Amino acid sequence: MKNIGGVILGVAAAAAIGAAIGVAYAPNKGVVTRKKMKKKINRAASDLKDYVDEQKGLSLDKINNLVENGQEKVKEISTSFSKKAAV
């Protein structure tokens, strides 16, 4: 799963860099080019932030599930020991 995330991040970064280079060589005035670059960079930064937030949320969900499963197992083992101790 980590490899897929890295690939997606790499592709997104390459696309952003490619777009910035393409805009830099576009036949527009400097002001227009800088505005376009700023817009594209801001969009890429926003997309990256969204991706990181999504991954962070997924990781927290996994951790919460592991904790819940662990708590259930502890209760099962505790119940099993209590039954065996009562016999």
N, C-alpha and C. Protein backbone atom coordinates (compact mmCIF):
# COMPACT_ATOMS: atom_id res chain seq x y z
N MET A 1 0.82 -1.19 0.00
CA MET A 1 0.00 0.00 0.00
C MET A 1 0.87 1.26 0.00
N LYS A 2 2.00 1.19 0.71
CA LYS A 2 2.88 2.35 0.76
C LYS A 2 3.45 2.65 -0.63
N ASN A 3 3.74 1.61 -1.41
CA ASN A 3 4.30 1.80 -2.74
C ASN A 3 3.32 2.52 -3.65
N ILE A 4 2.05 2.18 -3.57
CA ILE A 4 1.04 2.83 -4.40
C ILE A 4 0.95 4.31 -4.06
N GLY A 5 0.95 4.62 -2.76
CA GLY A 5 0.90 6.01 -2.33
C GLY A 5 2.10 6.80 -2.82
N GLY A 6 3.27 6.17 -2.77
CA GLY A 6 4.48 6.82 -3.26
C GLY A 6 4.44 7.07 -4.75
N VAL A 7 3.90 6.11 -5.47
CA VAL A 7 3.78 6.26 -6.93
C VAL A 7 2.82 7.39 -7.26
N ILE A 8 1.68 7.42 -6.57
CA ILE A 8 0.70 8.48 -6.81
C ILE A 8 1.30 9.83 -6.49
N LEU A 9 2.00 9.91 -5.37
CA LEU A 9 2.64 11.17 -4.98
C LEU A 9 3.69 11.59 -6.00
N GLY A 10 4.47 10.64 -6.48
CA GLY A 10 5.51 10.94 -7.47
C GLY A 10 4.92 11.43 -8.78
N VAL A 11 3.84 10.78 -9.21
CA VAL A 11 3.19 11.19 -10.46
C VAL A 11 2.60 12.59 -10.31
N ALA A 12 1.97 12.85 -9.15
CA ALA A 12 1.39 14.18 -8.92
C ALA A 12 2.48 15.26 -8.91
N ALA A 13 3.59 14.96 -8.25
CA ALA A 13 4.70 15.93 -8.20
C ALA A 13 5.28 16.16 -9.59
N ALA A 14 5.45 15.10 -10.35
CA ALA A 14 5.98 15.23 -11.71
C ALA A 14 5.04 16.04 -12.60
N ALA A 15 3.75 15.80 -12.44
CA ALA A 15 2.76 16.55 -13.23
C ALA A 15 2.80 18.04 -12.88
N ALA A 16 2.91 18.33 -11.59
CA ALA A 16 2.98 19.74 -11.16
C ALA A 16 4.24 20.42 -11.69
N ILE A 17 5.35 19.72 -11.61
CA ILE A 17 6.61 20.29 -12.11
C ILE A 17 6.54 20.47 -13.62
N GLY A 18 6.01 19.48 -14.31
CA GLY A 18 5.87 19.59 -15.77
C GLY A 18 4.97 20.73 -16.16
N ALA A 19 3.88 20.91 -15.44
CA ALA A 19 2.97 22.02 -15.74
C ALA A 19 3.66 23.36 -15.50
N ALA A 20 4.41 23.45 -14.41
CA ALA A 20 5.12 24.70 -14.11
C ALA A 20 6.15 25.02 -15.19
N ILE A 21 6.87 24.02 -15.64
CA ILE A 21 7.87 24.24 -16.69
C ILE A 21 7.19 24.63 -18.00
N GLY A 22 6.08 23.96 -18.30
CA GLY A 22 5.34 24.27 -19.53
C GLY A 22 4.82 25.69 -19.53
N VAL A 23 4.31 26.13 -18.39
CA VAL A 23 3.79 27.50 -18.28
C VAL A 23 4.94 28.49 -18.36
N ALA A 24 6.09 28.14 -17.79
CA ALA A 24 7.24 29.04 -17.79
C ALA A 24 7.72 29.33 -19.22
N TYR A 25 7.56 28.35 -20.11
CA TYR A 25 8.00 28.53 -21.48
C TYR A 25 6.87 28.94 -22.42
N ALA A 26 5.71 29.22 -21.88
CA ALA A 26 4.57 29.63 -22.71
C ALA A 26 4.81 31.04 -23.25
N PRO A 27 4.23 31.34 -24.40
CA PRO A 27 4.46 32.65 -25.02
C PRO A 27 3.52 33.74 -24.48
N ASN A 28 3.44 33.87 -23.16
CA ASN A 28 2.62 34.92 -22.56
C ASN A 28 3.52 35.96 -21.90
N LYS A 29 2.91 37.07 -21.51
CA LYS A 29 3.65 38.09 -20.77
C LYS A 29 4.02 37.52 -19.40
N GLY A 30 5.04 38.07 -18.81
CA GLY A 30 5.51 37.59 -17.51
C GLY A 30 4.45 37.58 -16.43
N VAL A 31 3.64 38.63 -16.38
CA VAL A 31 2.59 38.73 -15.36
C VAL A 31 1.59 37.59 -15.52
N VAL A 32 1.19 37.34 -16.75
CA VAL A 32 0.21 36.28 -17.03
C VAL A 32 0.81 34.92 -16.69
N THR A 33 2.05 34.73 -17.07
CA THR A 33 2.73 33.45 -16.80
C THR A 33 2.83 33.20 -15.30
N ARG A 34 3.23 34.23 -14.55
CA ARG A 34 3.36 34.08 -13.10
C ARG A 34 2.02 33.78 -12.45
N LYS A 35 0.96 34.42 -12.92
CA LYS A 35 -0.37 34.14 -12.38
C LYS A 35 -0.78 32.70 -12.65
N LYS A 36 -0.50 32.23 -13.87
CA LYS A 36 -0.83 30.84 -14.21
C LYS A 36 -0.03 29.87 -13.35
N MET A 37 1.26 30.16 -13.19
CA MET A 37 2.11 29.29 -12.38
C MET A 37 1.62 29.26 -10.93
N LYS A 38 1.29 30.43 -10.39
CA LYS A 38 0.82 30.50 -9.02
C LYS A 38 -0.47 29.69 -8.85
N LYS A 39 -1.36 29.81 -9.81
CA LYS A 39 -2.63 29.10 -9.75
C LYS A 39 -2.39 27.58 -9.79
N LYS A 40 -1.54 27.13 -10.69
CA LYS A 40 -1.26 25.70 -10.82
C LYS A 40 -0.53 25.17 -9.58
N ILE A 41 0.40 25.93 -9.05
CA ILE A 41 1.13 25.51 -7.85
C ILE A 41 0.20 25.43 -6.66
N ASN A 42 -0.68 26.42 -6.52
CA ASN A 42 -1.64 26.39 -5.42
C ASN A 42 -2.58 25.19 -5.53
N ARG A 43 -3.01 24.87 -6.75
CA ARG A 43 -3.88 23.73 -6.97
C ARG A 43 -3.15 22.43 -6.61
N ALA A 44 -1.90 22.32 -7.04
CA ALA A 44 -1.12 21.12 -6.74
C ALA A 44 -0.89 20.98 -5.23
N ALA A 45 -0.60 22.09 -4.56
CA ALA A 45 -0.39 22.07 -3.11
C ALA A 45 -1.68 21.65 -2.40
N SER A 46 -2.80 22.15 -2.86
CA SER A 46 -4.08 21.78 -2.27
C SER A 46 -4.38 20.30 -2.47
N ASP A 47 -4.11 19.80 -3.68
CA ASP A 47 -4.32 18.38 -3.96
C ASP A 47 -3.43 17.52 -3.08
N LEU A 48 -2.18 17.94 -2.90
CA LEU A 48 -1.25 17.19 -2.07
C LEU A 48 -1.72 17.18 -0.61
N LYS A 49 -2.18 18.33 -0.13
CA LYS A 49 -2.68 18.41 1.24
C LYS A 49 -3.88 17.50 1.43
N ASP A 50 -4.79 17.50 0.46
CA ASP A 50 -5.96 16.62 0.52
C ASP A 50 -5.54 15.16 0.57
N TYR A 51 -4.56 14.80 -0.24
CA TYR A 51 -4.06 13.43 -0.28
C TYR A 51 -3.46 13.03 1.07
N VAL A 52 -2.64 13.90 1.64
CA VAL A 52 -2.01 13.62 2.92
C VAL A 52 -3.06 13.49 4.01
N ASP A 53 -4.05 14.39 4.01
CA ASP A 53 -5.12 14.31 5.01
C ASP A 53 -5.90 13.00 4.87
N GLU A 54 -6.16 12.60 3.64
CA GLU A 54 -6.88 11.34 3.40
C GLU A 54 -6.08 10.15 3.92
N GLN A 55 -4.78 10.13 3.63
CA GLN A 55 -3.93 9.03 4.09
C GLN A 55 -3.85 9.00 5.61
N LYS A 56 -3.76 10.19 6.21
CA LYS A 56 -3.70 10.28 7.66
C LYS A 56 -4.98 9.72 8.27
N GLY A 57 -6.12 10.05 7.67
CA GLY A 57 -7.41 9.54 8.15
C GLY A 57 -7.49 8.04 8.02
N LEU A 58 -7.00 7.50 6.92
CA LEU A 58 -7.01 6.05 6.72
C LEU A 58 -6.14 5.37 7.77
N SER A 59 -4.99 5.95 8.06
CA SER A 59 -4.09 5.37 9.05
C SER A 59 -4.72 5.39 10.44
N LEU A 60 -5.40 6.48 10.78
CA LEU A 60 -6.05 6.56 12.09
C LEU A 60 -7.18 5.53 12.19
N ASP A 61 -7.90 5.33 11.10
CA ASP A 61 -8.95 4.31 11.09
C ASP A 61 -8.36 2.93 11.34
N LYS A 62 -7.24 2.63 10.69
CA LYS A 62 -6.59 1.33 10.87
C LYS A 62 -6.13 1.15 12.31
N ILE A 63 -5.57 2.20 12.89
CA ILE A 63 -5.10 2.13 14.27
C ILE A 63 -6.28 1.90 15.21
N ASN A 64 -7.36 2.63 15.00
CA ASN A 64 -8.54 2.46 15.85
C ASN A 64 -9.09 1.04 15.74
N ASN A 65 -9.12 0.50 14.53
CA ASN A 65 -9.59 -0.88 14.36
C ASN A 65 -8.69 -1.88 15.08
N LEU A 66 -7.38 -1.67 14.99
CA LEU A 66 -6.45 -2.56 15.69
C LEU A 66 -6.67 -2.50 17.21
N VAL A 67 -6.86 -1.30 17.74
CA VAL A 67 -7.08 -1.15 19.17
C VAL A 67 -8.37 -1.85 19.59
N GLU A 68 -9.44 -1.64 18.83
CA GLU A 68 -10.72 -2.28 19.14
C GLU A 68 -10.59 -3.81 19.09
N ASN A 69 -9.93 -4.31 18.06
CA ASN A 69 -9.73 -5.77 17.96
C ASN A 69 -8.90 -6.29 19.13
N GLY A 70 -7.89 -5.54 19.50
CA GLY A 70 -7.05 -5.93 20.64
C GLY A 70 -7.85 -5.96 21.93
N GLN A 71 -8.70 -4.98 22.13
CA GLN A 71 -9.53 -4.95 23.33
C GLN A 71 -10.49 -6.14 23.38
N GLU A 72 -11.05 -6.48 22.22
CA GLU A 72 -11.96 -7.62 22.15
C GLU A 72 -11.21 -8.92 22.50
N LYS A 73 -10.01 -9.07 21.96
CA LYS A 73 -9.21 -10.27 22.25
C LYS A 73 -8.87 -10.36 23.74
N VAL A 74 -8.54 -9.24 24.35
CA VAL A 74 -8.22 -9.22 25.78
C VAL A 74 -9.44 -9.66 26.58
N LYS A 75 -10.62 -9.18 26.21
CA LYS A 75 -11.85 -9.58 26.91
C LYS A 75 -12.10 -11.07 26.74
N GLU A 76 -11.90 -11.59 25.51
CA GLU A 76 -12.10 -13.01 25.26
C GLU A 76 -11.15 -13.86 26.11
N ILE A 77 -9.90 -13.47 26.14
CA ILE A 77 -8.90 -14.22 26.92
C ILE A 77 -9.22 -14.14 28.41
N SER A 78 -9.59 -12.95 28.86
CA SER A 78 -9.94 -12.75 30.27
C SER A 78 -11.13 -13.62 30.65
N THR A 79 -12.13 -13.67 29.80
CA THR A 79 -13.31 -14.50 30.05
C THR A 79 -12.94 -15.97 30.08
N SER A 80 -12.10 -16.38 29.16
CA SER A 80 -11.65 -17.77 29.09
C SER A 80 -10.90 -18.16 30.35
N PHE A 81 -10.00 -17.30 30.84
CA PHE A 81 -9.25 -17.59 32.05
C PHE A 81 -10.19 -17.62 33.26
N SER A 82 -11.14 -16.74 33.29
CA SER A 82 -12.08 -16.71 34.43
C SER A 82 -12.89 -17.99 34.48
N LYS A 83 -13.32 -18.49 33.32
CA LYS A 83 -14.08 -19.75 33.29
C LYS A 83 -13.21 -20.92 33.73
N LYS A 84 -11.97 -20.94 33.28
CA LYS A 84 -11.07 -22.05 33.65
C LYS A 84 -10.71 -21.99 35.12
N ALA A 85 -10.59 -20.79 35.68
CA ALA A 85 -10.25 -20.64 37.08
C ALA A 85 -11.42 -21.05 37.97
N ALA A 86 -12.64 -20.90 37.48
CA ALA A 86 -13.84 -21.24 38.26
C ALA A 86 -14.03 -22.75 38.32
N VAL A 87 -13.44 -23.49 37.39
CA VAL A 87 -13.63 -24.95 37.35
C VAL A 87 -12.77 -25.64 38.31
